[in-house]
Amino acid sequence: MGAKKLRLRFDDGVEINVKWKRAPAEAEGWNNSPRREIAACEVQKLFLEPDDYVVPVSVPRCIPP
């Protein structure tokens, strides 16, 4: 569905694996709803311990092209 897996390396040497999916211009799409992904991540924190989380962390970022 258009998602890409990337490995990001920062200037301080930290490397992380990420799933990258461009948000649609209208901020909602058929299979791309950033606010729902973020909400699911936050809701699990209400009743699960960190070791039991099932939803990966979703964080919106604005990055210039």
Protein backbone atom coordinates (compact mmCIF):
# COMPACT_ATOMS: atom_id res chain seq x y z
CA MET A 1 0.00 0.00 0.00
CA GLY A 2 2.87 2.38 -0.67
CA ALA A 3 4.78 1.98 2.59
CA LYS A 4 8.55 1.65 2.47
CA LYS A 5 10.92 0.21 5.06
CA LEU A 6 14.00 2.32 5.68
CA ARG A 7 16.94 2.47 8.04
CA LEU A 8 17.69 6.01 9.18
CA ARG A 9 21.12 7.06 10.37
CA PHE A 10 21.46 10.33 12.28
CA ASP A 11 24.52 12.56 12.63
CA ASP A 12 25.07 11.31 16.20
CA GLY A 13 25.43 7.71 14.93
CA VAL A 14 21.98 6.49 16.06
CA GLU A 15 20.31 4.14 13.57
CA ILE A 16 16.65 3.13 13.57
CA ASN A 17 14.38 1.07 11.33
CA VAL A 18 11.26 2.90 10.18
CA LYS A 19 8.20 2.38 8.02
CA TRP A 20 7.73 5.41 5.79
CA LYS A 21 4.42 6.32 4.25
CA ARG A 22 3.68 9.72 2.81
CA ALA A 23 0.51 11.29 4.23
CA PRO A 24 -2.01 12.30 1.57
CA ALA A 25 -2.53 16.02 0.93
CA GLU A 26 -6.01 15.84 2.44
CA ALA A 27 -4.55 14.15 5.57
CA GLU A 28 -6.89 11.17 5.28
CA GLY A 29 -6.88 8.34 2.81
CA TRP A 30 -8.50 4.98 2.27
CA ASN A 31 -5.62 3.15 3.94
CA ASN A 32 -3.59 5.99 5.41
CA SER A 33 -4.94 7.72 8.47
CA PRO A 34 -2.05 9.10 10.53
CA ARG A 35 -4.27 10.31 13.37
CA ARG A 36 -5.80 6.83 13.82
CA GLU A 37 -2.38 5.17 13.84
CA ILE A 38 -1.20 7.61 16.51
CA ALA A 39 -4.42 7.12 18.51
CA ALA A 40 -4.04 3.31 18.47
CA CYS A 41 -0.49 3.65 19.74
CA GLU A 42 -1.58 5.94 22.58
CA VAL A 43 -4.65 3.88 23.58
CA GLN A 44 -2.61 0.73 24.14
CA LYS A 45 -0.58 2.63 26.74
CA LEU A 46 -3.73 2.88 28.88
CA PHE A 47 -3.99 -0.87 29.52
CA LEU A 48 -0.79 -2.62 28.38
CA GLU A 49 2.71 -2.75 29.77
CA PRO A 50 5.46 -1.60 27.34
CA ASP A 51 6.65 -5.19 26.77
CA ASP A 52 3.10 -6.13 25.67
CA TYR A 53 2.51 -3.34 23.12
CA VAL A 54 1.11 -4.64 19.84
CA VAL A 55 0.90 -1.40 17.84
CA PRO A 56 4.20 0.04 16.62
CA VAL A 57 4.99 3.63 17.50
CA SER A 58 3.62 6.08 14.94
CA VAL A 59 5.00 9.58 14.86
CA PRO A 60 4.13 12.21 12.26
CA ARG A 61 7.04 14.32 11.08
CA CYS A 62 7.22 17.25 8.70
CA ILE A 63 10.37 16.89 6.64
CA PRO A 64 11.19 19.30 3.83
CA PRO A 65 11.64 17.64 0.45
